[in-house]
Protein backbone atom coordinates (compact mmCIF):
# COMPACT_ATOMS: atom_id res chain seq x y z
CA MET A 1 0.69 -19.16 7.42
CA PRO A 2 -1.41 -18.23 4.36
CA ALA A 3 0.57 -17.26 1.25
CA ALA A 4 -1.21 -13.88 1.06
CA ILE A 5 0.15 -12.93 4.49
CA VAL A 6 3.66 -14.09 3.64
CA GLU A 7 3.54 -12.08 0.37
CA ALA A 8 2.32 -8.96 2.17
CA VAL A 9 5.08 -9.16 4.76
CA THR A 10 7.80 -10.03 2.26
CA PHE A 11 6.99 -7.48 -0.43
CA HIS A 12 5.33 -4.57 1.39
CA HIS A 13 8.25 -2.23 0.52
CA THR A 14 8.66 -3.57 -3.02
CA PRO A 15 5.23 -4.78 -4.18
CA GLN A 16 6.20 -4.77 -7.86
CA LYS A 17 8.63 -7.62 -7.16
CA SER A 18 5.79 -9.89 -6.04
CA GLY A 19 4.40 -10.45 -9.52
CA LEU A 20 0.85 -10.00 -8.21
CA LYS A 21 -1.36 -8.10 -10.65
CA LYS A 22 -4.44 -7.62 -8.49
CA CYS A 23 -5.45 -5.73 -5.39
CA SER A 24 -4.55 -7.94 -2.45
CA ALA A 25 -3.42 -7.98 1.16
CA LEU A 26 -0.04 -6.89 -0.18
CA THR A 27 -1.61 -3.79 -1.71
CA ALA A 28 -3.35 -2.90 1.53
CA VAL A 29 -0.21 -3.37 3.63
CA HIS A 30 1.96 -1.44 1.15
CA VAL A 31 -0.41 1.54 1.05
CA ALA A 32 -1.08 1.50 4.80
CA ASN A 33 2.63 1.32 5.60
CA ALA A 34 3.47 4.21 3.29
CA LEU A 35 0.60 6.38 4.56
CA ALA A 36 1.24 5.59 8.22
CA THR A 37 4.94 6.40 8.06
CA ASN A 38 4.45 9.33 5.68
CA SER A 39 8.16 9.48 5.00
CA GLU A 40 10.54 9.18 2.12
CA THR A 41 12.08 6.07 3.66
CA VAL A 42 8.89 4.15 2.85
CA PRO A 43 7.80 5.54 -0.52
CA LEU A 44 4.46 4.66 -2.00
CA ASN A 45 4.94 2.82 -5.27
CA GLN A 46 2.61 4.80 -7.49
CA ALA A 47 3.55 2.82 -10.60
CA TYR A 48 2.39 -0.35 -8.83
CA LEU A 49 -0.92 1.29 -7.94
CA ALA A 50 -1.33 2.53 -11.52
CA ASP A 51 -0.71 -0.98 -12.86
CA LEU A 52 -3.54 -2.21 -10.64
CA GLY A 53 -5.84 0.62 -11.73
CA LEU A 54 -5.85 2.10 -8.22
CA ALA A 55 -3.89 5.33 -8.67
CA GLY A 56 -7.12 7.33 -8.69
CA ARG A 57 -7.94 6.14 -5.17
CA LEU A 58 -4.78 7.52 -3.56
CA GLU A 59 -6.19 10.94 -2.61
CA GLU A 60 -9.19 9.30 -0.96
CA TRP A 61 -6.92 6.99 1.03
CA GLN A 62 -4.69 9.89 2.09
CA ASP A 63 -7.74 11.86 3.27
CA THR A 64 -9.03 8.86 5.21
CA ALA A 65 -5.62 8.27 6.82
CA ALA A 66 -5.41 11.94 7.84
CA GLU A 67 -8.91 11.83 9.35
CA LEU A 68 -8.11 8.70 11.32
CA ALA A 69 -4.80 10.11 12.52
CA ALA A 70 -6.59 13.21 13.77
CA ILE A 71 -8.90 11.19 16.03
CA ALA A 72 -6.28 8.72 17.25
């Protein structure tokens, strides 16, 4: 299995522990998991997103997730 997939599965709740400093499959899985569950049990790691320079995209992703949930 590709390392990127293993990293995404392993660290999707704790992406900061991965050591990755770029947007990756891990980032996508972490954000998608947090937005899909929309609960405090799976918090979105905003510090991780900020470190990657992606914190400004969060509102856009939340809007997109809400739109997709409405048509599902």
